[in-house]
Amino acid sequence: MENDTAPRPDAHDPLPEGWERFDDGGMQCFTNEELNLRTYYDPRDPNPHLDGFAPTAVEGPPLPSRWEAVRKPGGPLVFLDHITHSSTTRDPRDLGATFVGGVTT
């Protein structure tokens, strides 16, 4: 398991170059247009995903609000739903209106 005692970033510290912060329906979100990344974990945090996942860029249109793409080294692409705290390997952009709250209907 990763060391989870690393100091957390101070909200007043500047973001790394290329990163921007915005509010996504009440949730703090970070984007890096150059890297085509969106994450709900502070990029200043040295261990944002203690389970070894890292934010991953995706091709095509942006993911729906409050979704994030992540991957472990050598692992499959996983999509995190920050509303329901669920995950799936199915791209939420392909599921359209039939994908509600982490469950296909």
PDB file of N, CA and C in Angstrom:
ATOM      1  N   MET A   1       0.839  -1.182   0.000  1.00  0.00           N
ATOM      2  CA  MET A   1       0.000   0.000   0.000  1.00  0.00           C
ATOM      3  C   MET A   1       0.880   1.239   0.000  1.00  0.00           C
ATOM      4  N   GLU A   2       0.447   2.266  -0.699  1.00  0.00           N
ATOM      5  CA  GLU A   2       1.184   3.515  -0.781  1.00  0.00           C
ATOM      6  C   GLU A   2       1.200   4.219   0.573  1.00  0.00           C
ATOM      7  N   ASN A   3       2.179   5.085   0.775  1.00  0.00           N
ATOM      8  CA  ASN A   3       2.257   5.878   1.985  1.00  0.00           C
ATOM      9  C   ASN A   3       1.191   6.959   1.935  1.00  0.00           C
ATOM     10  N   ASP A   4       0.202   6.889   2.841  1.00  0.00           N
ATOM     11  CA  ASP A   4      -0.873   7.877   2.822  1.00  0.00           C
ATOM     12  C   ASP A   4      -0.657   8.970   3.851  1.00  0.00           C
ATOM     13  N   THR A   5       0.574   9.090   4.391  1.00  0.00           N
ATOM     14  CA  THR A   5       0.854  10.126   5.370  1.00  0.00           C
ATOM     15  C   THR A   5       1.526  11.340   4.735  1.00  0.00           C
ATOM     16  N   ALA A   6       1.663  11.369   3.429  1.00  0.00           N
ATOM     17  CA  ALA A   6       2.269  12.513   2.742  1.00  0.00           C
ATOM     18  C   ALA A   6       1.401  13.744   2.988  1.00  0.00           C
ATOM     19  N   PRO A   7       2.032  14.903   3.138  1.00  0.00           N
ATOM     20  CA  PRO A   7       1.242  16.118   3.402  1.00  0.00           C
ATOM     21  C   PRO A   7       0.299  16.428   2.248  1.00  0.00           C
ATOM     22  N   ARG A   8      -0.881  16.867   2.585  1.00  0.00           N
ATOM     23  CA  ARG A   8      -1.874  17.257   1.584  1.00  0.00           C
ATOM     24  C   ARG A   8      -1.544  18.654   1.072  1.00  0.00           C
ATOM     25  N   PRO A   9      -1.921  18.967  -0.168  1.00  0.00           N
ATOM     26  CA  PRO A   9      -1.620  20.292  -0.725  1.00  0.00           C
ATOM     27  C   PRO A   9      -2.411  21.378  -0.001  1.00  0.00           C
ATOM     28  N   ASP A  10      -1.813  22.537   0.074  1.00  0.00           N
ATOM     29  CA  ASP A  10      -2.475  23.707   0.637  1.00  0.00           C
ATOM     30  C   ASP A  10      -3.280  24.362  -0.476  1.00  0.00           C
ATOM     31  N   ALA A  11      -4.520  24.724  -0.186  1.00  0.00           N
ATOM     32  CA  ALA A  11      -5.403  25.333  -1.197  1.00  0.00           C
ATOM     33  C   ALA A  11      -4.836  26.635  -1.741  1.00  0.00           C
ATOM     34  N   HIS A  12      -3.893  27.237  -1.042  1.00  0.00           N
ATOM     35  CA  HIS A  12      -3.315  28.500  -1.503  1.00  0.00           C
ATOM     36  C   HIS A  12      -2.081  28.301  -2.372  1.00  0.00           C
ATOM     37  N   ASP A  13      -1.558  27.073  -2.419  1.00  0.00           N
ATOM     38  CA  ASP A  13      -0.404  26.795  -3.272  1.00  0.00           C
ATOM     39  C   ASP A  13      -0.848  26.858  -4.735  1.00  0.00           C
ATOM     40  N   PRO A  14       0.015  27.367  -5.622  1.00  0.00           N
ATOM     41  CA  PRO A  14      -0.376  27.396  -7.045  1.00  0.00           C
ATOM     42  C   PRO A  14      -0.485  25.987  -7.604  1.00  0.00           C
ATOM     43  N   LEU A  15      -1.356  25.839  -8.579  1.00  0.00           N
ATOM     44  CA  LEU A  15      -1.488  24.560  -9.275  1.00  0.00           C
ATOM     45  C   LEU A  15      -0.270  24.350 -10.173  1.00  0.00           C
ATOM     46  N   PRO A  16       0.068  23.103 -10.474  1.00  0.00           N
ATOM     47  CA  PRO A  16       1.159  22.867 -11.426  1.00  0.00           C
ATOM     48  C   PRO A  16       0.840  23.519 -12.776  1.00  0.00           C
ATOM     49  N   GLU A  17       1.871  23.815 -13.527  1.00  0.00           N
ATOM     50  CA  GLU A  17       1.698  24.470 -14.828  1.00  0.00           C
ATOM     51  C   GLU A  17       0.752  23.676 -15.718  1.00  0.00           C
ATOM     52  N   GLY A  18      -0.181  24.384 -16.348  1.00  0.00           N
ATOM     53  CA  GLY A  18      -1.123  23.771 -17.275  1.00  0.00           C
ATOM     54  C   GLY A  18      -2.418  23.306 -16.635  1.00  0.00           C
ATOM     55  N   TRP A  19      -2.513  23.315 -15.312  1.00  0.00           N
ATOM     56  CA  TRP A  19      -3.720  22.850 -14.621  1.00  0.00           C
ATOM     57  C   TRP A  19      -4.622  24.011 -14.260  1.00  0.00           C
ATOM     58  N   GLU A  20      -5.920  23.783 -14.349  1.00  0.00           N
ATOM     59  CA  GLU A  20      -6.934  24.764 -13.940  1.00  0.00           C
ATOM     60  C   GLU A  20      -7.936  24.072 -13.036  1.00  0.00           C
ATOM     61  N   ARG A  21      -8.530  24.851 -12.141  1.00  0.00           N
ATOM     62  CA  ARG A  21      -9.533  24.322 -11.223  1.00  0.00           C
ATOM     63  C   ARG A  21     -10.872  24.963 -11.561  1.00  0.00           C
ATOM     64  N   PHE A  22     -11.956  24.167 -11.486  1.00  0.00           N
ATOM     65  CA  PHE A  22     -13.291  24.730 -11.664  1.00  0.00           C
ATOM     66  C   PHE A  22     -14.295  23.935 -10.844  1.00  0.00           C
ATOM     67  N   ASP A  23     -15.478  24.492 -10.687  1.00  0.00           N
ATOM     68  CA  ASP A  23     -16.554  23.843  -9.952  1.00  0.00           C
ATOM     69  C   ASP A  23     -17.410  23.066 -10.948  1.00  0.00           C
ATOM     70  N   ASP A  24     -17.601  21.788 -10.690  1.00  0.00           N
ATOM     71  CA  ASP A  24     -18.428  20.932 -11.552  1.00  0.00           C
ATOM     72  C   ASP A  24     -19.637  20.488 -10.742  1.00  0.00           C
ATOM     73  N   GLY A  25     -20.645  21.340 -10.697  1.00  0.00           N
ATOM     74  CA  GLY A  25     -21.864  21.008  -9.968  1.00  0.00           C
ATOM     75  C   GLY A  25     -21.642  20.797  -8.483  1.00  0.00           C
ATOM     76  N   GLY A  26     -20.786  21.603  -7.886  1.00  0.00           N
ATOM     77  CA  GLY A  26     -20.525  21.486  -6.464  1.00  0.00           C
ATOM     78  C   GLY A  26     -19.306  20.658  -6.112  1.00  0.00           C
ATOM     79  N   MET A  27     -18.678  20.050  -7.110  1.00  0.00           N
ATOM     80  CA  MET A  27     -17.463  19.274  -6.868  1.00  0.00           C
ATOM     81  C   MET A  27     -16.274  20.006  -7.487  1.00  0.00           C
ATOM     82  N   GLN A  28     -15.163  20.054  -6.762  1.00  0.00           N
ATOM     83  CA  GLN A  28     -13.948  20.665  -7.275  1.00  0.00           C
ATOM     84  C   GLN A  28     -13.334  19.745  -8.331  1.00  0.00           C
ATOM     85  N   CYS A  29     -13.043  20.297  -9.487  1.00  0.00           N
ATOM     86  CA  CYS A  29     -12.498  19.518 -10.598  1.00  0.00           C
ATOM     87  C   CYS A  29     -11.246  20.212 -11.125  1.00  0.00           C
ATOM     88  N   PHE A  30     -10.310  19.427 -11.641  1.00  0.00           N
ATOM     89  CA  PHE A  30      -9.068  19.958 -12.182  1.00  0.00           C
ATOM     90  C   PHE A  30      -8.908  19.457 -13.617  1.00  0.00           C
ATOM     91  N   THR A  31      -8.490  20.344 -14.510  1.00  0.00           N
ATOM     92  CA  THR A  31      -8.279  19.960 -15.901  1.00  0.00           C
ATOM     93  C   THR A  31      -6.899  20.417 -16.369  1.00  0.00           C
ATOM     94  N   ASN A  32      -6.378  19.680 -17.326  1.00  0.00           N
ATOM     95  CA  ASN A  32      -5.148  20.050 -18.001  1.00  0.00           C
ATOM     96  C   ASN A  32      -5.414  19.826 -19.485  1.00  0.00           C
ATOM     97  N   GLU A  33      -5.681  20.908 -20.197  1.00  0.00           N
ATOM     98  CA  GLU A  33      -6.030  20.819 -21.620  1.00  0.00           C
ATOM     99  C   GLU A  33      -4.895  20.233 -22.446  1.00  0.00           C
ATOM    100  N   GLU A  34      -3.659  20.597 -22.123  1.00  0.00           N
ATOM    101  CA  GLU A  34      -2.521  20.112 -22.894  1.00  0.00           C
ATOM    102  C   GLU A  34      -2.396  18.586 -22.796  1.00  0.00           C
ATOM    103  N   LEU A  35      -2.653  18.044 -21.615  1.00  0.00           N
ATOM    104  CA  LEU A  35      -2.565  16.600 -21.411  1.00  0.00           C
ATOM    105  C   LEU A  35      -3.898  15.898 -21.652  1.00  0.00           C
ATOM    106  N   ASN A  36      -4.951  16.664 -21.920  1.00  0.00           N
ATOM    107  CA  ASN A  36      -6.304  16.132 -22.118  1.00  0.00           C
ATOM    108  C   ASN A  36      -6.755  15.315 -20.902  1.00  0.00           C
ATOM    109  N   LEU A  37      -6.523  15.876 -19.701  1.00  0.00           N
ATOM    110  CA  LEU A  37      -6.877  15.202 -18.460  1.00  0.00           C
ATOM    111  C   LEU A  37      -7.915  15.998 -17.686  1.00  0.00           C
ATOM    112  N   ARG A  38      -8.807  15.253 -17.025  1.00  0.00           N
ATOM    113  CA  ARG A  38      -9.737  15.841 -16.059  1.00  0.00           C
ATOM    114  C   ARG A  38      -9.744  14.911 -14.853  1.00  0.00           C
ATOM    115  N   THR A  39      -9.606  15.495 -13.666  1.00  0.00           N
ATOM    116  CA  THR A  39      -9.594  14.694 -12.443  1.00  0.00           C
ATOM    117  C   THR A  39     -10.279  15.458 -11.320  1.00  0.00           C
ATOM    118  N   TYR A  40     -10.795  14.718 -10.384  1.00  0.00           N
ATOM    119  CA  TYR A  40     -11.426  15.312  -9.201  1.00  0.00           C
ATOM    120  C   TYR A  40     -10.484  15.232  -8.016  1.00  0.00           C
ATOM    121  N   TYR A  41      -9.242  14.841  -8.264  1.00  0.00           N
ATOM    122  CA  TYR A  41      -8.205  14.795  -7.239  1.00  0.00           C
ATOM    123  C   TYR A  41      -7.209  15.903  -7.524  1.00  0.00           C
ATOM    124  N   ASP A  42      -6.782  16.589  -6.492  1.00  0.00           N
ATOM    125  CA  ASP A  42      -5.884  17.729  -6.616  1.00  0.00           C
ATOM    126  C   ASP A  42      -4.547  17.282  -7.217  1.00  0.00           C
ATOM    127  N   PRO A  43      -4.131  17.864  -8.360  1.00  0.00           N
ATOM    128  CA  PRO A  43      -2.872  17.445  -8.989  1.00  0.00           C
ATOM    129  C   PRO A  43      -1.637  17.805  -8.162  1.00  0.00           C
ATOM    130  N   ARG A  44      -1.811  18.636  -7.122  1.00  0.00           N
ATOM    131  CA  ARG A  44      -0.693  18.954  -6.229  1.00  0.00           C
ATOM    132  C   ARG A  44      -0.479  17.851  -5.196  1.00  0.00           C
ATOM    133  N   ASP A  45      -1.451  16.955  -5.074  1.00  0.00           N
ATOM    134  CA  ASP A  45      -1.386  15.877  -4.094  1.00  0.00           C
ATOM    135  C   ASP A  45      -0.437  14.789  -4.601  1.00  0.00           C
ATOM    136  N   PRO A  46       0.584  14.411  -3.826  1.00  0.00           N
ATOM    137  CA  PRO A  46       1.546  13.412  -4.312  1.00  0.00           C
ATOM    138  C   PRO A  46       0.948  12.005  -4.439  1.00  0.00           C
ATOM    139  N   ASN A  47      -0.118  11.693  -3.731  1.00  0.00           N
ATOM    140  CA  ASN A  47      -0.736  10.367  -3.780  1.00  0.00           C
ATOM    141  C   ASN A  47      -2.251  10.499  -3.914  1.00  0.00           C
ATOM    142  N   PRO A  48      -2.751  11.049  -5.013  1.00  0.00           N
ATOM    143  CA  PRO A  48      -4.199  11.279  -5.083  1.00  0.00           C
ATOM    144  C   PRO A  48      -5.034  10.003  -5.098  1.00  0.00           C
ATOM    145  N   HIS A  49      -4.566   8.980  -5.761  1.00  0.00           N
ATOM    146  CA  HIS A  49      -5.266   7.693  -5.811  1.00  0.00           C
ATOM    147  C   HIS A  49      -4.407   6.689  -5.044  1.00  0.00           C
ATOM    148  N   LEU A  50      -4.724   6.452  -3.797  1.00  0.00           N
ATOM    149  CA  LEU A  50      -3.900   5.579  -2.973  1.00  0.00           C
ATOM    150  C   LEU A  50      -3.911   4.132  -3.460  1.00  0.00           C
ATOM    151  N   ASP A  51      -4.862   3.792  -4.344  1.00  0.00           N
ATOM    152  CA  ASP A  51      -4.948   2.432  -4.869  1.00  0.00           C
ATOM    153  C   ASP A  51      -4.092   2.227  -6.112  1.00  0.00           C
ATOM    154  N   GLY A  52      -3.298   3.223  -6.492  1.00  0.00           N
ATOM    155  CA  GLY A  52      -2.390   3.070  -7.620  1.00  0.00           C
ATOM    156  C   GLY A  52      -2.922   3.536  -8.962  1.00  0.00           C
ATOM    157  N   PHE A  53      -4.184   3.967  -9.021  1.00  0.00           N
ATOM    158  CA  PHE A  53      -4.732   4.486 -10.268  1.00  0.00           C
ATOM    159  C   PHE A  53      -4.174   5.874 -10.560  1.00  0.00           C
ATOM    160  N   ALA A  54      -4.064   6.220 -11.835  1.00  0.00           N
ATOM    161  CA  ALA A  54      -3.623   7.546 -12.252  1.00  0.00           C
ATOM    162  C   ALA A  54      -4.618   8.094 -13.265  1.00  0.00           C
ATOM    163  N   PRO A  55      -4.917   9.410 -13.215  1.00  0.00           N
ATOM    164  CA  PRO A  55      -5.787   9.996 -14.234  1.00  0.00           C
ATOM    165  C   PRO A  55      -5.232   9.709 -15.619  1.00  0.00           C
ATOM    166  N   THR A  56      -6.118   9.419 -16.556  1.00  0.00           N
ATOM    167  CA  THR A  56      -5.722   9.009 -17.899  1.00  0.00           C
ATOM    168  C   THR A  56      -6.482   9.821 -18.941  1.00  0.00           C
ATOM    169  N   ALA A  57      -5.780  10.278 -19.949  1.00  0.00           N
ATOM    170  CA  ALA A  57      -6.413  11.020 -21.034  1.00  0.00           C
ATOM    171  C   ALA A  57      -7.267  10.073 -21.873  1.00  0.00           C
ATOM    172  N   VAL A  58      -8.360  10.603 -22.399  1.00  0.00           N
ATOM    173  CA  VAL A  58      -9.211   9.828 -23.304  1.00  0.00           C
ATOM    174  C   VAL A  58      -9.386  10.613 -24.599  1.00  0.00           C
ATOM    175  N   GLU A  59      -9.500   9.887 -25.686  1.00  0.00           N
ATOM    176  CA  GLU A  59      -9.719  10.491 -26.999  1.00  0.00           C
ATOM    177  C   GLU A  59     -11.195  10.829 -27.166  1.00  0.00           C
ATOM    178  N   GLY A  60     -11.483  11.716 -28.091  1.00  0.00           N
ATOM    179  CA  GLY A  60     -12.866  12.020 -28.426  1.00  0.00           C
ATOM    180  C   GLY A  60     -13.477  13.088 -27.539  1.00  0.00           C
ATOM    181  N   PRO A  61     -14.805  13.120 -27.501  1.00  0.00           N
ATOM    182  CA  PRO A  61     -15.488  14.159 -26.736  1.00  0.00           C
ATOM    183  C   PRO A  61     -15.223  14.006 -25.242  1.00  0.00           C
ATOM    184  N   PRO A  62     -15.429  15.083 -24.479  1.00  0.00           N
ATOM    185  CA  PRO A  62     -15.212  15.010 -23.033  1.00  0.00           C
ATOM    186  C   PRO A  62     -16.132  13.986 -22.378  1.00  0.00           C
ATOM    187  N   LEU A  63     -15.693  13.474 -21.255  1.00  0.00           N
ATOM    188  CA  LEU A  63     -16.533  12.578 -20.471  1.00  0.00           C
ATOM    189  C   LEU A  63     -17.693  13.370 -19.873  1.00  0.00           C
ATOM    190  N   PRO A  64     -18.795  12.688 -19.552  1.00  0.00           N
ATOM    191  CA  PRO A  64     -19.895  13.387 -18.888  1.00  0.00           C
ATOM    192  C   PRO A  64     -19.426  13.998 -17.564  1.00  0.00           C
ATOM    193  N   SER A  65     -20.159  14.983 -17.095  1.00  0.00           N
ATOM    194  CA  SER A  65     -19.849  15.638 -15.836  1.00  0.00           C
ATOM    195  C   SER A  65     -19.681  14.611 -14.725  1.00  0.00           C
ATOM    196  N   ARG A  66     -18.655  14.819 -13.925  1.00  0.00           N
ATOM    197  CA  ARG A  66     -18.336  14.023 -12.738  1.00  0.00           C
ATOM    198  C   ARG A  66     -17.823  12.614 -13.036  1.00  0.00           C
ATOM    199  N   TRP A  67     -17.388  12.372 -14.257  1.00  0.00           N
ATOM    200  CA  TRP A  67     -16.741  11.105 -14.620  1.00  0.00           C
ATOM    201  C   TRP A  67     -15.256  11.362 -14.804  1.00  0.00           C
ATOM    202  N   GLU A  68     -14.449  10.361 -14.515  1.00  0.00           N
ATOM    203  CA  GLU A  68     -13.001  10.456 -14.671  1.00  0.00           C
ATOM    204  C   GLU A  68     -12.475   9.127 -15.207  1.00  0.00           C
ATOM    205  N   ALA A  69     -11.506   9.192 -16.102  1.00  0.00           N
ATOM    206  CA  ALA A  69     -10.838   7.993 -16.621  1.00  0.00           C
ATOM    207  C   ALA A  69      -9.527   7.803 -15.872  1.00  0.00           C
ATOM    208  N   VAL A  70      -9.287   6.566 -15.399  1.00  0.00           N
ATOM    209  CA  VAL A  70      -8.066   6.247 -14.662  1.00  0.00           C
ATOM    210  C   VAL A  70      -7.538   4.892 -15.122  1.00  0.00           C
ATOM    211  N   ARG A  71      -6.278   4.630 -14.785  1.00  0.00           N
ATOM    212  CA  ARG A  71      -5.671   3.353 -15.159  1.00  0.00           C
ATOM    213  C   ARG A  71      -4.536   3.059 -14.181  1.00  0.00           C
ATOM    214  N   LYS A  72      -4.395   1.768 -13.835  1.00  0.00           N
ATOM    215  CA  LYS A  72      -3.213   1.313 -13.114  1.00  0.00           C
ATOM    216  C   LYS A  72      -2.180   0.937 -14.170  1.00  0.00           C
ATOM    217  N   PRO A  73      -0.880   1.021 -13.859  1.00  0.00           N
ATOM    218  CA  PRO A  73       0.122   0.632 -14.845  1.00  0.00           C
ATOM    219  C   PRO A  73      -0.151  -0.781 -15.375  1.00  0.00           C
ATOM    220  N   GLY A  74      -0.296  -0.895 -16.691  1.00  0.00           N
ATOM    221  CA  GLY A  74      -0.543  -2.175 -17.335  1.00  0.00           C
ATOM    222  C   GLY A  74      -1.971  -2.673 -17.230  1.00  0.00           C
ATOM    223  N   GLY A  75      -2.842  -1.897 -16.600  1.00  0.00           N
ATOM    224  CA  GLY A  75      -4.219  -2.335 -16.401  1.00  0.00           C
ATOM    225  C   GLY A  75      -5.183  -1.730 -17.405  1.00  0.00           C
ATOM    226  N   PRO A  76      -6.448  -2.144 -17.334  1.00  0.00           N
ATOM    227  CA  PRO A  76      -7.451  -1.619 -18.260  1.00  0.00           C
ATOM    228  C   PRO A  76      -7.859  -0.199 -17.894  1.00  0.00           C
ATOM    229  N   LEU A  77      -8.409   0.504 -18.841  1.00  0.00           N
ATOM    230  CA  LEU A  77      -8.966   1.826 -18.605  1.00  0.00           C
ATOM    231  C   LEU A  77     -10.234   1.657 -17.776  1.00  0.00           C
ATOM    232  N   VAL A  78     -10.346   2.425 -16.704  1.00  0.00           N
ATOM    233  CA  VAL A  78     -11.489   2.356 -15.797  1.00  0.00           C
ATOM    234  C   VAL A  78     -12.111   3.745 -15.715  1.00  0.00           C
ATOM    235  N   PHE A  79     -13.432   3.795 -15.721  1.00  0.00           N
ATOM    236  CA  PHE A  79     -14.162   5.056 -15.618  1.00  0.00           C
ATOM    237  C   PHE A  79     -14.780   5.142 -14.228  1.00  0.00           C
ATOM    238  N   LEU A  80     -14.487   6.244 -13.516  1.00  0.00           N
ATOM    239  CA  LEU A  80     -15.015   6.463 -12.182  1.00  0.00           C
ATOM    240  C   LEU A  80     -16.186   7.429 -12.238  1.00  0.00           C
ATOM    241  N   ASP A  81     -17.279   7.068 -11.607  1.00  0.00           N
ATOM    242  CA  ASP A  81     -18.449   7.935 -11.473  1.00  0.00           C
ATOM    243  C   ASP A  81     -18.383   8.543 -10.080  1.00  0.00           C
ATOM    244  N   HIS A  82     -18.045   9.830  -9.997  1.00  0.00           N
ATOM    245  CA  HIS A  82     -17.886  10.491  -8.708  1.00  0.00           C
ATOM    246  C   HIS A  82     -19.217  10.855  -8.072  1.00  0.00           C
ATOM    247  N   ILE A  83     -20.322  10.624  -8.752  1.00  0.00           N
ATOM    248  CA  ILE A  83     -21.638  10.844  -8.160  1.00  0.00           C
ATOM    249  C   ILE A  83     -22.019   9.636  -7.316  1.00  0.00           C
ATOM    250  N   THR A  84     -21.895   8.445  -7.889  1.00  0.00           N
ATOM    251  CA  THR A  84     -22.314   7.221  -7.202  1.00  0.00           C
ATOM    252  C   THR A  84     -21.142   6.473  -6.557  1.00  0.00           C
ATOM    253  N   HIS A  85     -19.916   6.951  -6.783  1.00  0.00           N
ATOM    254  CA  HIS A  85     -18.715   6.290  -6.268  1.00  0.00           C
ATOM    255  C   HIS A  85     -18.613   4.860  -6.803  1.00  0.00           C
ATOM    256  N   SER A  86     -18.963   4.705  -8.067  1.00  0.00           N
ATOM    257  CA  SER A  86     -18.872   3.400  -8.717  1.00  0.00           C
ATOM    258  C   SER A  86     -17.863   3.490  -9.862  1.00  0.00           C
ATOM    259  N   SER A  87     -17.505   2.335 -10.402  1.00  0.00           N
ATOM    260  CA  SER A  87     -16.561   2.306 -11.516  1.00  0.00           C
ATOM    261  C   SER A  87     -17.006   1.261 -12.526  1.00  0.00           C
ATOM    262  N   THR A  88     -16.521   1.444 -13.756  1.00  0.00           N
ATOM    263  CA  THR A  88     -16.852   0.527 -14.836  1.00  0.00           C
ATOM    264  C   THR A  88     -15.745   0.596 -15.887  1.00  0.00           C
ATOM    265  N   THR A  89     -15.610  -0.455 -16.661  1.00  0.00           N
ATOM    266  CA  THR A  89     -14.684  -0.413 -17.795  1.00  0.00           C
ATOM    267  C   THR A  89     -15.421   0.011 -19.061  1.00  0.00           C
ATOM    268  N   ARG A  90     -16.733   0.209 -18.974  1.00  0.00           N
ATOM    269  CA  ARG A  90     -17.526   0.664 -20.129  1.00  0.00           C
ATOM    270  C   ARG A  90     -17.506   2.183 -20.183  1.00  0.00           C
ATOM    271  N   ASP A  91     -17.202   2.726 -21.348  1.00  0.00           N
ATOM    272  CA  ASP A  91     -17.116   4.177 -21.537  1.00  0.00           C
ATOM    273  C   ASP A  91     -18.505   4.786 -21.378  1.00  0.00           C
ATOM    274  N   PRO A  92     -18.694   5.707 -20.423  1.00  0.00           N
ATOM    275  CA  PRO A  92     -20.020   6.294 -20.210  1.00  0.00           C
ATOM    276  C   PRO A  92     -20.514   7.102 -21.408  1.00  0.00           C
ATOM    277  N   ARG A  93     -19.614   7.533 -22.286  1.00  0.00           N
ATOM    278  CA  ARG A  93     -20.038   8.264 -23.481  1.00  0.00           C
ATOM    279  C   ARG A  93     -20.743   7.349 -24.464  1.00  0.00           C
ATOM    280  N   ASP A  94     -20.424   6.051 -24.417  1.00  0.00           N
ATOM    281  CA  ASP A  94     -21.054   5.084 -25.319  1.00  0.00           C
ATOM    282  C   ASP A  94     -22.387   4.582 -24.794  1.00  0.00           C
ATOM    283  N   LEU A  95     -22.640   4.817 -23.525  1.00  0.00           N
ATOM    284  CA  LEU A  95     -23.833   4.265 -22.894  1.00  0.00           C
ATOM    285  C   LEU A  95     -25.037   5.197 -22.967  1.00  0.00           C
ATOM    286  N   GLY A  96     -24.783   6.472 -23.180  1.00  0.00           N
ATOM    287  CA  GLY A  96     -25.871   7.433 -23.334  1.00  0.00           C
ATOM    288  C   GLY A  96     -26.846   7.426 -22.176  1.00  0.00           C
ATOM    289  N   ALA A  97     -28.104   7.644 -22.474  1.00  0.00           N
ATOM    290  CA  ALA A  97     -29.137   7.782 -21.454  1.00  0.00           C
ATOM    291  C   ALA A  97     -29.468   6.465 -20.771  1.00  0.00           C
ATOM    292  N   THR A  98     -28.976   5.345 -21.298  1.00  0.00           N
ATOM    293  CA  THR A  98     -29.307   4.073 -20.657  1.00  0.00           C
ATOM    294  C   THR A  98     -28.415   3.760 -19.481  1.00  0.00           C
ATOM    295  N   PHE A  99     -27.450   4.630 -19.198  1.00  0.00           N
ATOM    296  CA  PHE A  99     -26.529   4.396 -18.086  1.00  0.00           C
ATOM    297  C   PHE A  99     -26.852   5.398 -16.991  1.00  0.00           C
ATOM    298  N   VAL A 100     -27.414   4.928 -15.901  1.00  0.00           N
ATOM    299  CA  VAL A 100     -27.855   5.822 -14.837  1.00  0.00           C
ATOM    300  C   VAL A 100     -27.246   5.363 -13.517  1.00  0.00           C
ATOM    301  N   GLY A 101     -26.502   6.262 -12.881  1.00  0.00           N
ATOM    302  CA  GLY A 101     -25.974   5.989 -11.555  1.00  0.00           C
ATOM    303  C   GLY A 101     -25.157   4.722 -11.428  1.00  0.00           C
ATOM    304  N   GLY A 102     -24.329   4.418 -12.412  1.00  0.00           N
ATOM    305  CA  GLY A 102     -23.466   3.258 -12.335  1.00  0.00           C
ATOM    306  C   GLY A 102     -24.141   1.951 -12.737  1.00  0.00           C
ATOM    307  N   VAL A 103     -25.382   2.005 -13.161  1.00  0.00           N
ATOM    308  CA  VAL A 103     -26.117   0.796 -13.519  1.00  0.00           C
ATOM    309  C   VAL A 103     -26.729   0.968 -14.898  1.00  0.00           C
ATOM    310  N   THR A 104     -26.551  -0.007 -15.767  1.00  0.00           N
ATOM    311  CA  THR A 104     -27.210   0.077 -17.072  1.00  0.00           C
ATOM    312  C   THR A 104     -28.656  -0.350 -16.888  1.00  0.00           C
ATOM    313  N   THR A 105     -29.560   0.374 -17.545  1.00  0.00           N
ATOM    314  CA  THR A 105     -30.992   0.068 -17.422  1.00  0.00           C
ATOM    315  C   THR A 105     -31.558  -0.353 -18.740  1.00  0.00           C
TER     316      THR A 105
END
